[in-house]
Every structure is written in C-alpha cells, then in structure tokens.
C-alpha atoms as a PDB file:
ATOM      1  CA  MET A   1       0.040  -0.003  -0.042  1.00  0.00           C
ATOM      2  CA  LYS A   2       2.876   2.372   0.846  1.00  0.00           C
ATOM      3  CA  ALA A   3       4.317   1.984  -2.703  1.00  0.00           C
ATOM      4  CA  LEU A   4       0.951   2.664  -4.284  1.00  0.00           C
ATOM      5  CA  VAL A   5       0.454   5.841  -2.151  1.00  0.00           C
ATOM      6  CA  ARG A   6       3.936   7.115  -3.057  1.00  0.00           C
ATOM      7  CA  PHE A   7       3.370   6.394  -6.723  1.00  0.00           C
ATOM      8  CA  VAL A   8      -0.022   8.207  -6.805  1.00  0.00           C
ATOM      9  CA  VAL A   9       1.340  11.158  -4.793  1.00  0.00           C
ATOM     10  CA  LEU A  10       4.392  11.447  -7.108  1.00  0.00           C
ATOM     11  CA  LEU A  11       2.216  11.505 -10.273  1.00  0.00           C
ATOM     12  CA  GLY A  12      -0.405  13.695  -8.594  1.00  0.00           C
ATOM     13  CA  ALA A  13       2.367  16.252  -7.555  1.00  0.00           C
ATOM     14  CA  PHE A  14       3.662  16.290 -11.223  1.00  0.00           C
ATOM     15  CA  PHE A  15       0.185  16.972 -12.770  1.00  0.00           C
ATOM     16  CA  THR A  16      -0.627  19.528  -9.985  1.00  0.00           C
ATOM     17  CA  PHE A  17       2.537  21.330 -10.725  1.00  0.00           C
ATOM     18  CA  THR A  18       1.824  21.696 -14.491  1.00  0.00           C
ATOM     19  CA  LEU A  19      -1.741  22.754 -13.545  1.00  0.00           C
ATOM     20  CA  VAL A  20      -0.527  25.560 -11.248  1.00  0.00           C
ATOM     21  CA  VAL A  21       2.132  26.658 -13.673  1.00  0.00           C
ATOM     22  CA  PHE A  22      -0.282  27.021 -16.679  1.00  0.00           C
ATOM     23  CA  LYS A  23      -2.952  28.680 -14.401  1.00  0.00           C
ATOM     24  CA  LEU A  24      -0.467  31.283 -13.119  1.00  0.00           C
ATOM     25  CA  THR A  25       0.854  31.918 -16.667  1.00  0.00           C
ATOM     26  CA  GLY A  26      -2.585  32.186 -18.081  1.00  0.00           C
ATOM     27  CA  PHE A  27      -1.540  29.683 -20.870  1.00  0.00           C
ATOM     28  CA  LEU A  28      -4.238  27.604 -22.645  1.00  0.00           C
ATOM     29  CA  THR A  29      -7.375  29.086 -21.148  1.00  0.00           C
ATOM     30  CA  VAL A  30     -10.909  28.089 -22.184  1.00  0.00           C
ATOM     31  CA  ASP A  31     -11.016  31.536 -24.102  1.00  0.00           C
ATOM     32  CA  ASP A  32      -7.908  30.628 -25.929  1.00  0.00           C
ATOM     33  CA  ILE A  33      -9.447  27.253 -26.950  1.00  0.00           C
ATOM     34  CA  LYS A  34     -12.638  28.912 -28.075  1.00  0.00           C
ATOM     35  CA  VAL A  35     -10.631  31.194 -30.399  1.00  0.00           C
ATOM     36  CA  TRP A  36      -8.712  28.254 -31.873  1.00  0.00           C
ATOM     37  CA  LEU A  37     -11.855  26.312 -32.542  1.00  0.00           C
ATOM     38  CA  GLU A  38     -13.623  29.313 -34.130  1.00  0.00           C
ATOM     39  CA  GLN A  39     -10.698  29.880 -36.450  1.00  0.00           C
ATOM     40  CA  GLY A  40     -10.492  26.125 -37.277  1.00  0.00           C
ATOM     41  CA  LEU A  41     -14.249  26.165 -38.118  1.00  0.00           C
ATOM     42  CA  THR A  42     -13.640  28.723 -40.849  1.00  0.00           C
ATOM     43  CA  LEU A  43     -11.432  26.137 -42.473  1.00  0.00           C
ATOM     44  CA  SER A  44     -13.165  22.751 -41.936  1.00  0.00           C
ATOM     45  CA  THR A  45     -14.867  20.753 -39.256  1.00  0.00           C
ATOM     46  CA  TRP A  46     -11.992  18.111 -39.425  1.00  0.00           C
ATOM     47  CA  ILE A  47      -9.581  20.814 -38.550  1.00  0.00           C
ATOM     48  CA  VAL A  48     -11.566  21.605 -35.409  1.00  0.00           C
ATOM     49  CA  GLY A  49     -11.717  17.820 -34.639  1.00  0.00           C
ATOM     50  CA  LEU A  50      -7.869  17.624 -34.995  1.00  0.00           C
ATOM     51  CA  ILE A  51      -7.442  20.583 -32.619  1.00  0.00           C
ATOM     52  CA  ILE A  52      -9.641  18.852 -30.164  1.00  0.00           C
ATOM     53  CA  VAL A  53      -7.819  15.547 -30.439  1.00  0.00           C
ATOM     54  CA  GLY A  54      -4.361  17.243 -30.148  1.00  0.00           C
ATOM     55  CA  LEU A  55      -5.400  19.219 -27.005  1.00  0.00           C
ATOM     56  CA  MET A  56      -6.799  16.080 -25.380  1.00  0.00           C
ATOM     57  CA  MET A  57      -3.530  14.279 -26.050  1.00  0.00           C
ATOM     58  CA  ILE A  58      -1.304  17.067 -24.593  1.00  0.00           C
ATOM     59  CA  ASP A  59      -3.483  16.889 -21.458  1.00  0.00           C
ATOM     60  CA  LEU A  60      -1.251  14.025 -20.408  1.00  0.00           C
ATOM     61  CA  PHE A  61       1.625  16.442 -19.917  1.00  0.00           C
ATOM     62  CA  ILE A  62       0.010  19.766 -19.329  1.00  0.00           C
ATOM     63  CA  ALA A  63      -3.338  20.758 -17.776  1.00  0.00           C
ATOM     64  CA  VAL A  64      -6.069  21.098 -20.301  1.00  0.00           C
ATOM     65  CA  PRO A  65      -9.729  21.767 -19.236  1.00  0.00           C
ATOM     66  CA  THR A  66     -11.005  18.396 -20.614  1.00  0.00           C
ATOM     67  CA  LEU A  67     -14.628  18.805 -19.680  1.00  0.00           C
ATOM     68  CA  SER A  68     -14.873  22.305 -21.099  1.00  0.00           C
ATOM     69  CA  LEU A  69     -13.208  21.138 -24.254  1.00  0.00           C
ATOM     70  CA  THR A  70     -15.618  18.248 -24.608  1.00  0.00           C
ATOM     71  CA  ILE A  71     -18.645  20.578 -24.054  1.00  0.00           C
ATOM     72  CA  LEU A  72     -17.117  22.911 -26.709  1.00  0.00           C
ATOM     73  CA  SER A  73     -16.685  20.006 -29.100  1.00  0.00           C
ATOM     74  CA  GLY A  74     -20.449  19.482 -28.967  1.00  0.00           C
ATOM     75  CA  PHE A  75     -21.081  23.301 -29.316  1.00  0.00           C
ATOM     76  CA  PHE A  76     -18.944  23.662 -32.452  1.00  0.00           C
ATOM     77  CA  LEU A  77     -19.458  20.169 -34.076  1.00  0.00           C
ATOM     78  CA  GLY A  78     -22.647  18.805 -32.858  1.00  0.00           C
ATOM     79  CA  VAL A  79     -23.168  15.624 -30.748  1.00  0.00           C
ATOM     80  CA  GLU A  80     -21.982  12.956 -33.185  1.00  0.00           C
ATOM     81  CA  LEU A  81     -18.726  14.622 -34.247  1.00  0.00           C
ATOM     82  CA  GLY A  82     -18.148  16.046 -30.744  1.00  0.00           C
ATOM     83  CA  VAL A  83     -18.369  12.579 -29.166  1.00  0.00           C
ATOM     84  CA  PHE A  84     -16.191  11.125 -31.773  1.00  0.00           C
ATOM     85  CA  TYR A  85     -13.336  13.554 -31.650  1.00  0.00           C
ATOM     86  CA  SER A  86     -13.377  14.114 -27.885  1.00  0.00           C
ATOM     87  CA  SER A  87     -13.498  10.326 -27.211  1.00  0.00           C
ATOM     88  CA  ALA A  88     -10.806   9.609 -29.670  1.00  0.00           C
ATOM     89  CA  GLY A  89      -8.567  12.375 -28.024  1.00  0.00           C
ATOM     90  CA  MET A  90      -9.110  11.063 -24.497  1.00  0.00           C
ATOM     91  CA  LEU A  91      -8.611   7.472 -25.349  1.00  0.00           C
ATOM     92  CA  LEU A  92      -5.409   8.265 -27.303  1.00  0.00           C
ATOM     93  CA  ALA A  93      -4.162  10.385 -24.338  1.00  0.00           C
ATOM     94  CA  GLY A  94      -4.822   7.522 -21.906  1.00  0.00           C
ATOM     95  CA  THR A  95      -3.222   4.930 -24.284  1.00  0.00           C
ATOM     96  CA  MET A  96      -0.073   7.224 -24.510  1.00  0.00           C
ATOM     97  CA  GLY A  97       0.178   7.445 -20.747  1.00  0.00           C
ATOM     98  CA  TYR A  98      -0.364   3.599 -20.457  1.00  0.00           C
ATOM     99  CA  VAL A  99       2.286   2.820 -23.054  1.00  0.00           C
ATOM    100  CA  ILE A 100       4.874   5.227 -21.661  1.00  0.00           C
ATOM    101  CA  SER A 101       4.358   3.818 -18.145  1.00  0.00           C
ATOM    102  CA  ARG A 102       4.466   0.260 -19.357  1.00  0.00           C
ATOM    103  CA  PHE A 103       7.863   0.594 -20.966  1.00  0.00           C
ATOM    104  CA  GLN A 104       9.495   3.264 -18.689  1.00  0.00           C
ATOM    105  CA  GLY A 105       7.505   2.602 -15.438  1.00  0.00           C
ATOM    106  CA  ASP A 106      10.138   0.245 -13.945  1.00  0.00           C
ATOM    107  CA  LYS A 107      12.517   3.203 -13.328  1.00  0.00           C
ATOM    108  CA  LEU A 108       9.744   5.138 -11.563  1.00  0.00           C
ATOM    109  CA  LEU A 109       8.841   2.046  -9.495  1.00  0.00           C
ATOM    110  CA  ARG A 110      12.422   1.596  -8.352  1.00  0.00           C
ATOM    111  CA  PHE A 111      12.423   5.216  -7.358  1.00  0.00           C
ATOM    112  CA  VAL A 112       9.148   4.868  -5.390  1.00  0.00           C
ATOM    113  CA  SER A 113      10.288   1.600  -3.720  1.00  0.00           C
ATOM    114  CA  LYS A 114      13.140  -0.763  -4.027  1.00  0.00           C
ATOM    115  CA  ASP A 115      11.199  -3.309  -2.005  1.00  0.00           C
ATOM    116  CA  ASP A 116       9.916  -6.033  -4.352  1.00  0.00           C
ATOM    117  CA  ALA A 117       7.253  -7.158  -1.876  1.00  0.00           C
ATOM    118  CA  GLN A 118       5.792  -3.652  -1.865  1.00  0.00           C
ATOM    119  CA  THR A 119       5.940  -3.507  -5.602  1.00  0.00           C
ATOM    120  CA  LYS A 120       4.105  -6.893  -5.904  1.00  0.00           C
ATOM    121  CA  GLU A 121       1.478  -5.602  -3.334  1.00  0.00           C
ATOM    122  CA  MET A 122       0.956  -2.471  -5.420  1.00  0.00           C
ATOM    123  CA  VAL A 123       0.211  -4.622  -8.556  1.00  0.00           C
ATOM    124  CA  ASP A 124      -2.184  -6.789  -6.570  1.00  0.00           C
ATOM    125  CA  ILE A 125      -4.113  -3.859  -5.223  1.00  0.00           C
ATOM    126  CA  PHE A 126      -4.455  -2.169  -8.661  1.00  0.00           C
ATOM    127  CA  ASN A 127      -5.640  -5.522 -10.128  1.00  0.00           C
ATOM    128  CA  ARG A 128      -8.337  -5.726  -7.478  1.00  0.00           C
ATOM    129  CA  PHE A 129      -9.535  -2.103  -7.610  1.00  0.00           C
ATOM    130  CA  GLY A 130      -8.074  -0.712 -10.804  1.00  0.00           C
ATOM    131  CA  PRO A 131     -11.104  -1.562 -13.073  1.00  0.00           C
ATOM    132  CA  PHE A 132     -13.383   0.444 -10.837  1.00  0.00           C
ATOM    133  CA  SER A 133     -10.937   3.218 -10.623  1.00  0.00           C
ATOM    134  CA  LEU A 134     -10.708   3.396 -14.443  1.00  0.00           C
ATOM    135  CA  MET A 135     -14.510   3.502 -14.858  1.00  0.00           C
ATOM    136  CA  LEU A 136     -14.769   6.421 -12.462  1.00  0.00           C
ATOM    137  CA  CYS A 137     -11.483   8.118 -13.540  1.00  0.00           C
ATOM    138  CA  ARG A 138     -13.430  11.199 -14.755  1.00  0.00           C
ATOM    139  CA  ALA A 139     -14.595  12.053 -11.278  1.00  0.00           C
ATOM    140  CA  ALA A 140     -11.593  14.463 -10.746  1.00  0.00           C
ATOM    141  CA  PRO A 141      -8.989  16.287 -12.658  1.00  0.00           C
ATOM    142  CA  MET A 142      -5.629  14.349 -13.114  1.00  0.00           C
ATOM    143  CA  LEU A 143      -7.296  11.006 -12.198  1.00  0.00           C
ATOM    144  CA  PRO A 144      -7.498   9.755 -15.709  1.00  0.00           C
ATOM    145  CA  GLU A 145      -3.762  10.416 -16.233  1.00  0.00           C
ATOM    146  CA  VAL A 146      -2.837   8.757 -12.849  1.00  0.00           C
ATOM    147  CA  THR A 147      -4.997   5.659 -13.407  1.00  0.00           C
ATOM    148  CA  SER A 148      -3.629   5.265 -16.928  1.00  0.00           C
ATOM    149  CA  CYS A 149      -0.103   5.367 -15.729  1.00  0.00           C
ATOM    150  CA  LEU A 150      -0.954   2.878 -12.886  1.00  0.00           C
ATOM    151  CA  ALA A 151      -2.401   0.564 -15.425  1.00  0.00           C
ATOM    152  CA  GLY A 152       0.687   0.680 -17.565  1.00  0.00           C
ATOM    153  CA  VAL A 153       3.276   0.433 -14.746  1.00  0.00           C
ATOM    154  CA  THR A 154       1.388  -2.525 -13.186  1.00  0.00           C
ATOM    155  CA  ARG A 155       1.236  -4.263 -16.675  1.00  0.00           C
ATOM    156  CA  MET A 156      -2.583  -4.602 -16.800  1.00  0.00           C
ATOM    157  CA  PRO A 157      -3.370  -6.168 -20.119  1.00  0.00           C
ATOM    158  CA  TYR A 158      -4.068  -3.382 -22.615  1.00  0.00           C
ATOM    159  CA  TRP A 159      -7.414  -4.841 -23.709  1.00  0.00           C
ATOM    160  CA  LYS A 160      -8.616  -4.742 -20.085  1.00  0.00           C
ATOM    161  CA  TYR A 161      -7.294  -1.352 -19.576  1.00  0.00           C
ATOM    162  CA  ILE A 162      -8.915   0.259 -22.625  1.00  0.00           C
ATOM    163  CA  LEU A 163     -12.239  -1.545 -21.968  1.00  0.00           C
ATOM    164  CA  PHE A 164     -12.677  -0.079 -18.557  1.00  0.00           C
ATOM    165  CA  TYR A 165     -11.117   3.258 -19.493  1.00  0.00           C
ATOM    166  CA  ALA A 166     -13.650   3.507 -22.379  1.00  0.00           C
ATOM    167  CA  ILE A 167     -16.562   2.626 -20.161  1.00  0.00           C
ATOM    168  CA  GLY A 168     -15.491   5.613 -17.933  1.00  0.00           C
ATOM    169  CA  THR A 169     -14.712   7.921 -20.849  1.00  0.00           C
ATOM    170  CA  ILE A 170     -17.308   7.520 -23.676  1.00  0.00           C
ATOM    171  CA  PRO A 171     -20.497   8.077 -21.640  1.00  0.00           C
ATOM    172  CA  TYR A 172     -18.840  11.033 -20.049  1.00  0.00           C
ATOM    173  CA  SER A 173     -18.129  12.314 -23.617  1.00  0.00           C
ATOM    174  CA  ILE A 174     -21.654  11.800 -24.794  1.00  0.00           C
ATOM    175  CA  ILE A 175     -23.077  13.681 -21.887  1.00  0.00           C
ATOM    176  CA  ALA A 176     -20.725  16.587 -22.105  1.00  0.00           C
ATOM    177  CA  ALA A 177     -20.917  16.915 -25.870  1.00  0.00           C
ATOM    178  CA  TYR A 178     -24.679  16.685 -25.835  1.00  0.00           C
ATOM    179  CA  SER A 179     -24.836  19.462 -23.287  1.00  0.00           C
ATOM    180  CA  GLY A 180     -22.589  21.633 -25.515  1.00  0.00           C
ATOM    181  CA  SER A 181     -24.737  20.972 -28.526  1.00  0.00           C
ATOM    182  CA  VAL A 182     -27.801  22.350 -26.757  1.00  0.00           C
ATOM    183  CA  SER A 183     -26.120  25.280 -25.076  1.00  0.00           C
ATOM    184  CA  SER A 184     -25.510  28.667 -26.505  1.00  0.00           C
ATOM    185  CA  ILE A 185     -23.948  31.936 -25.349  1.00  0.00           C
ATOM    186  CA  GLU A 186     -27.559  33.071 -24.367  1.00  0.00           C
ATOM    187  CA  ASN A 187     -28.361  29.794 -22.741  1.00  0.00           C
ATOM    188  CA  PRO A 188     -25.268  28.200 -21.004  1.00  0.00           C
ATOM    189  CA  GLN A 189     -27.356  26.435 -18.412  1.00  0.00           C
ATOM    190  CA  PRO A 190     -27.106  22.902 -19.918  1.00  0.00           C
ATOM    191  CA  ALA A 191     -23.282  23.134 -19.891  1.00  0.00           C
ATOM    192  CA  ILE A 192     -23.273  24.543 -16.251  1.00  0.00           C
ATOM    193  CA  LEU A 193     -25.587  21.687 -15.067  1.00  0.00           C
ATOM    194  CA  THR A 194     -23.362  19.088 -16.847  1.00  0.00           C
ATOM    195  CA  PHE A 195     -20.267  20.455 -14.925  1.00  0.00           C
ATOM    196  CA  ILE A 196     -22.178  20.079 -11.596  1.00  0.00           C
ATOM    197  CA  GLY A 197     -23.803  16.824 -12.497  1.00  0.00           C
ATOM    198  CA  ILE A 198     -20.822  14.870 -13.803  1.00  0.00           C
ATOM    199  CA  PHE A 199     -18.478  15.704 -11.019  1.00  0.00           C
ATOM    200  CA  GLY A 200     -21.146  15.473  -8.270  1.00  0.00           C
ATOM    201  CA  GLY A 201     -22.596  12.159  -9.517  1.00  0.00           C
ATOM    202  CA  LEU A 202     -19.095  10.451  -9.918  1.00  0.00           C
ATOM    203  CA  SER A 203     -17.990  11.771  -6.625  1.00  0.00           C
ATOM    204  CA  LEU A 204     -21.087  10.240  -4.923  1.00  0.00           C
ATOM    205  CA  ILE A 205     -20.244   6.870  -6.526  1.00  0.00           C
ATOM    206  CA  TRP A 206     -16.711   7.147  -5.314  1.00  0.00           C
ATOM    207  CA  ALA A 207     -17.844   7.912  -1.823  1.00  0.00           C
ATOM    208  CA  GLY A 208     -20.166   4.953  -1.908  1.00  0.00           C
ATOM    209  CA  PHE A 209     -17.399   2.596  -3.129  1.00  0.00           C
ATOM    210  CA  LEU A 210     -15.081   3.696  -0.382  1.00  0.00           C
ATOM    211  CA  PHE A 211     -17.773   3.324   2.213  1.00  0.00           C
ATOM    212  CA  PHE A 212     -18.800  -0.216   1.215  1.00  0.00           C
ATOM    213  CA  ASN A 213     -15.167  -1.287   0.801  1.00  0.00           C
ATOM    214  CA  LYS A 214     -13.814   0.371   3.938  1.00  0.00           C
ATOM    215  CA  HIS A 215     -13.210  -2.970   5.692  1.00  0.00           C
ATOM    216  CA  LYS A 216     -11.230  -4.376   2.646  1.00  0.00           C
ATOM    217  CA  LEU A 217      -9.197  -1.269   2.420  1.00  0.00           C
ATOM    218  CA  LYS A 218      -8.391  -1.257   6.144  1.00  0.00           C
ATOM    219  CA  LYS A 219      -6.844  -4.760   5.859  1.00  0.00           C
ATOM    220  CA  ILE A 220      -4.434  -3.410   3.306  1.00  0.00           C
ATOM    221  CA  LYS A 221      -1.443  -1.898   5.138  1.00  0.00           C
END
C-alpha cells in the first residue's frame, strides 16, 4: 500500500505542478481554446476535430480543461462529431500514458520503492481495484492520467485497460458533448448543469465505493 500511495502522490504532484504553472501563466485558457476552434471552423470541421484530439492528447503532460473542451466540441461540431473527436482524443491520451508507463515505469517504480514485496503488493491492489478506478477516472482532474499510468506500470493487459477506461470515458463524452450541442451563449445552463452533475454524480459513486469497501481497504497496510 505504501508503494501505491507514493506512486499516486508522485504522479499527482507532477500533474498538479503543471496545472498550477499554466494557471499562473494564463496559458491555454478556455477562451484561448474557443478562439482556436472558431478559427478552425472557418477552414473545416475536421480541422476543429484535429485541434480537439491534439489538445486532449497533450493533457497527459500539461493541464487542459478536458470537460470544457468536450462541451465545446459539442457546441462547435454537434453531438456525433463532438463525441467522436473528444472520445478519440481522451482514449489516445490515456493509451499514450499507459504505453509510456508500461515501458518506462520500472524506473519510476524503483524510485518509489526498492522493495519487491511492496511493488508486488501495489500490482495486486491495482488488479483488484483498478477496473473500478478506471471506470470512475473522470470524477476528478488528473485522475485519468494517474490511473492510466498505474495501469501501464502494473502491466494490466491493454485490452482490459482500454475496456474499463472507455466505459468511464465514452458516456462522459456523450453527456458533455450533448450539453454543449444544446447550449448557447444566451443559454449556457445545460453546460453549467453538466459540470455540476458529472463531478457530483461520480464523486457520490466514489464515496459509496469507499464506504462499502472500507473494511477491505483497512486490511491493506
């Protein structure tokens, strides 16, 4: 358990650092993204789609407002294309994190813990609770990146990883893109309610999971 906590804290600190840096510098704000998408739309819808996919992929390294971007994808492209491009971008970003961690994760694991027993315990814990974590990874910022890296470093089979990650990602994309498609500058209420509903709903599920599994978690030292 100690190795898992250290690993999560280390990754969380990295992603939090990038978030703070880009917030303080004012780089890549929602307004910036809107301007890019508006300019892309003057050329072609597929240009807008590529911008969305690209921004989703760099979210692995720098903080991108993923939910806002998904809502904007529905606003600019409609539900179908919004879901397609935002889902593709999120799945590619997750896959990139998985692949990098799978092939380079051993170095990070050794940095976190040189105890093979702790490392094995970390793998066992993620095998037990990882699928649920992947399905609810959209409950908080940085959680998709952290769980994807954990799946890679613990060598979860890719088909298993992408299945549960997609279960947590595609419905999220559908809801957010739809809310964007029915929103407007004059009526932003659907998008606002989506922000509240998605994070609130997923947080409640997480709280329920922790409550009903508290005895199992207490046994893990």
